[in-house]
Amino acid sequence: LISLVYERAKETDKEVVFAIDEARYLMKDSDTLEYLETIFRHHRHHDLSIQLITQTVDEFLSHDISKMILDQCAIKQFHKLDGMNEEIAEVFGLNHAQMRFVQTAIPGGQERGYSQALICVDGDWRGIEVRALPHEQAVIDNETLRSG
């Protein structure tokens, strides 16, 4: 599947977003990691945005190749992560206050309307509030989407 998406992105003149949920499963296979690392080195040439989504980050720390992939990511985002510790914070370049922010970030809820996250863009970490767009909120609320 990764190969098919990559080849399709090379053939189209459109921007392609490839979101991989539960990316931790890809981090376990060394052959997949080597191929994925190659794609990460070249994806920008083909307007391909690869988004790796996981609830744990240990997998990014277990292989040198997965660390290389992590280094290729221009944007990193943490929501509340109970497993955040000093070792993980050091790998991601977080200071103590940023580590604590991730450990105690407020998850989203309907009454609050947002969740907290820590985002890094090209090495600059900032706290943000993540809010759903109206169409996203309709999906969350399980409402029928109507055009117009």
Protein backbone atom coordinates (compact mmCIF):
# COMPACT_ATOMS: atom_id res chain seq x y z
CA LEU A 1 0.00 0.00 0.00
CA ILE A 2 2.80 2.40 0.84
CA SER A 3 4.42 1.72 -2.50
CA LEU A 4 1.13 2.22 -4.38
CA VAL A 5 0.45 5.58 -2.71
CA TYR A 6 4.02 6.73 -3.32
CA GLU A 7 3.92 5.75 -7.00
CA ARG A 8 0.53 7.45 -7.44
CA ALA A 9 1.85 10.63 -5.81
CA LYS A 10 4.74 10.67 -8.28
CA GLU A 11 2.32 10.44 -11.22
CA THR A 12 -0.17 13.14 -10.25
CA ASP A 13 0.23 16.90 -10.26
CA LYS A 14 -2.05 17.14 -7.21
CA GLU A 15 -0.94 17.30 -3.61
CA VAL A 16 -1.34 13.96 -1.84
CA VAL A 17 -1.85 13.46 1.89
CA PHE A 18 -1.11 9.95 3.14
CA ALA A 19 -2.25 9.50 6.75
CA ILE A 20 -1.09 6.29 8.39
CA ASP A 21 -2.94 5.53 11.62
CA GLU A 22 -1.40 3.08 14.09
CA ALA A 23 2.00 3.79 12.50
CA ARG A 24 3.60 1.80 15.30
CA TYR A 25 2.95 -1.37 13.30
CA LEU A 26 5.17 -0.10 10.48
CA MET A 27 7.98 0.59 12.92
CA LYS A 28 8.32 -3.11 13.82
CA ASP A 29 9.39 -4.39 10.39
CA SER A 30 12.93 -3.47 9.34
CA ASP A 31 12.28 -3.98 5.60
CA THR A 32 9.27 -1.66 5.74
CA LEU A 33 11.28 0.87 7.75
CA GLU A 34 14.05 0.99 5.16
CA TYR A 35 11.56 1.58 2.35
CA LEU A 36 9.63 4.14 4.40
CA GLU A 37 12.83 6.03 5.18
CA THR A 38 13.59 6.24 1.45
CA ILE A 39 10.11 7.61 0.79
CA PHE A 40 10.52 10.16 3.58
CA ARG A 41 13.72 11.42 1.98
CA HIS A 42 11.97 11.97 -1.36
CA HIS A 43 8.31 12.69 -0.57
CA ARG A 44 8.58 16.48 -0.76
CA HIS A 45 9.68 16.27 -4.41
CA HIS A 46 6.28 14.81 -5.27
CA ASP A 47 3.94 16.98 -3.12
CA LEU A 48 3.35 14.00 -0.84
CA SER A 49 2.54 14.70 2.79
CA ILE A 50 2.96 11.65 5.00
CA GLN A 51 1.29 11.76 8.40
CA LEU A 52 2.28 9.09 10.90
CA ILE A 53 -0.30 8.78 13.68
CA THR A 54 0.22 6.71 16.82
CA GLN A 55 -0.75 6.69 20.47
CA THR A 56 2.72 5.63 21.55
CA VAL A 57 6.13 6.89 20.51
CA ASP A 58 8.37 4.10 21.77
CA GLU A 59 8.46 2.59 18.28
CA PHE A 60 10.16 5.71 16.93
CA LEU A 61 12.95 5.20 19.43
CA SER A 62 13.61 1.49 18.93
CA HIS A 63 15.49 1.54 15.58
CA ASP A 64 18.04 3.91 14.09
CA ILE A 65 16.02 3.99 10.85
CA SER A 66 12.84 5.02 12.68
CA LYS A 67 14.82 7.85 14.32
CA MET A 68 15.94 8.93 10.84
CA ILE A 69 12.29 8.97 9.74
CA LEU A 70 11.43 11.04 12.79
CA ASP A 71 14.16 13.53 11.86
CA GLN A 72 12.52 13.93 8.42
CA CYS A 73 9.22 15.05 9.98
CA ALA A 74 8.96 18.85 9.77
CA ILE A 75 5.88 18.87 12.00
CA LYS A 76 5.42 16.89 15.21
CA GLN A 77 2.35 17.11 17.43
CA PHE A 78 1.67 15.70 20.87
CA HIS A 79 -1.70 15.50 22.53
CA LYS A 80 -1.91 14.26 26.13
CA LEU A 81 0.58 11.43 26.46
CA ASP A 82 0.77 9.66 29.82
CA GLY A 83 3.85 7.76 28.63
CA MET A 84 5.84 10.94 28.08
CA ASN A 85 9.02 10.73 30.12
CA GLU A 86 12.46 12.35 30.20
CA GLU A 87 13.95 9.90 27.68
CA ILE A 88 11.23 10.58 25.11
CA ALA A 89 11.33 14.32 25.83
CA GLU A 90 15.07 14.35 25.19
CA VAL A 91 14.72 12.55 21.84
CA PHE A 92 12.13 15.11 20.71
CA GLY A 93 14.09 18.06 22.12
CA LEU A 94 11.49 19.01 24.74
CA ASN A 95 12.44 20.92 27.85
CA HIS A 96 10.94 20.02 31.24
CA ALA A 97 8.01 22.47 30.94
CA GLN A 98 7.11 21.13 27.48
CA MET A 99 7.31 17.55 28.75
CA ARG A 100 4.95 18.41 31.62
CA PHE A 101 2.57 20.15 29.18
CA VAL A 102 2.29 16.92 27.16
CA GLN A 103 1.78 14.86 30.31
CA THR A 104 -1.03 17.12 31.54
CA ALA A 105 -2.58 18.40 28.30
CA ILE A 106 -6.37 18.64 28.43
CA PRO A 107 -8.07 16.18 26.08
CA GLY A 108 -11.00 17.39 24.02
CA GLY A 109 -14.57 17.35 25.13
CA GLN A 110 -17.87 18.66 23.86
CA GLU A 111 -18.30 21.14 26.70
CA ARG A 112 -14.79 22.54 26.26
CA GLY A 113 -14.81 22.51 22.47
CA TYR A 114 -11.08 21.96 22.04
CA SER A 115 -8.14 19.86 23.15
CA GLN A 116 -4.63 21.01 23.98
CA ALA A 117 -1.59 19.91 22.04
CA LEU A 118 2.07 20.75 21.72
CA ILE A 119 3.17 21.25 18.12
CA CYS A 120 6.62 21.59 16.64
CA VAL A 121 7.17 23.20 13.27
CA ASP A 122 10.79 23.10 12.12
CA GLY A 123 12.10 22.90 15.69
CA ASP A 124 9.85 25.57 17.24
CA TRP A 125 7.51 24.10 19.91
CA ARG A 126 4.23 25.85 20.83
CA GLY A 127 1.12 24.99 22.82
CA ILE A 128 -2.08 25.09 20.76
CA GLU A 129 -5.80 24.49 21.05
CA VAL A 130 -7.16 22.00 18.53
CA ARG A 131 -10.74 22.69 17.42
CA ALA A 132 -12.90 20.83 14.93
CA LEU A 133 -14.08 22.59 11.78
CA PRO A 134 -17.88 22.68 11.32
CA HIS A 135 -17.89 19.70 8.93
CA GLU A 136 -15.58 17.77 11.26
CA GLN A 137 -17.85 18.59 14.21
CA ALA A 138 -20.84 17.26 12.28
CA VAL A 139 -19.03 13.95 11.82
CA ILE A 140 -18.07 13.89 15.51
CA ASP A 141 -21.69 14.60 16.45
CA ASN A 142 -22.87 11.95 13.95
CA GLU A 143 -25.02 14.47 12.12
CA THR A 144 -26.04 14.19 8.50
CA LEU A 145 -24.01 16.59 6.38
CA ARG A 146 -26.10 18.88 4.19
CA SER A 147 -24.74 20.97 1.40
CA GLY A 148 -25.75 24.56 0.93
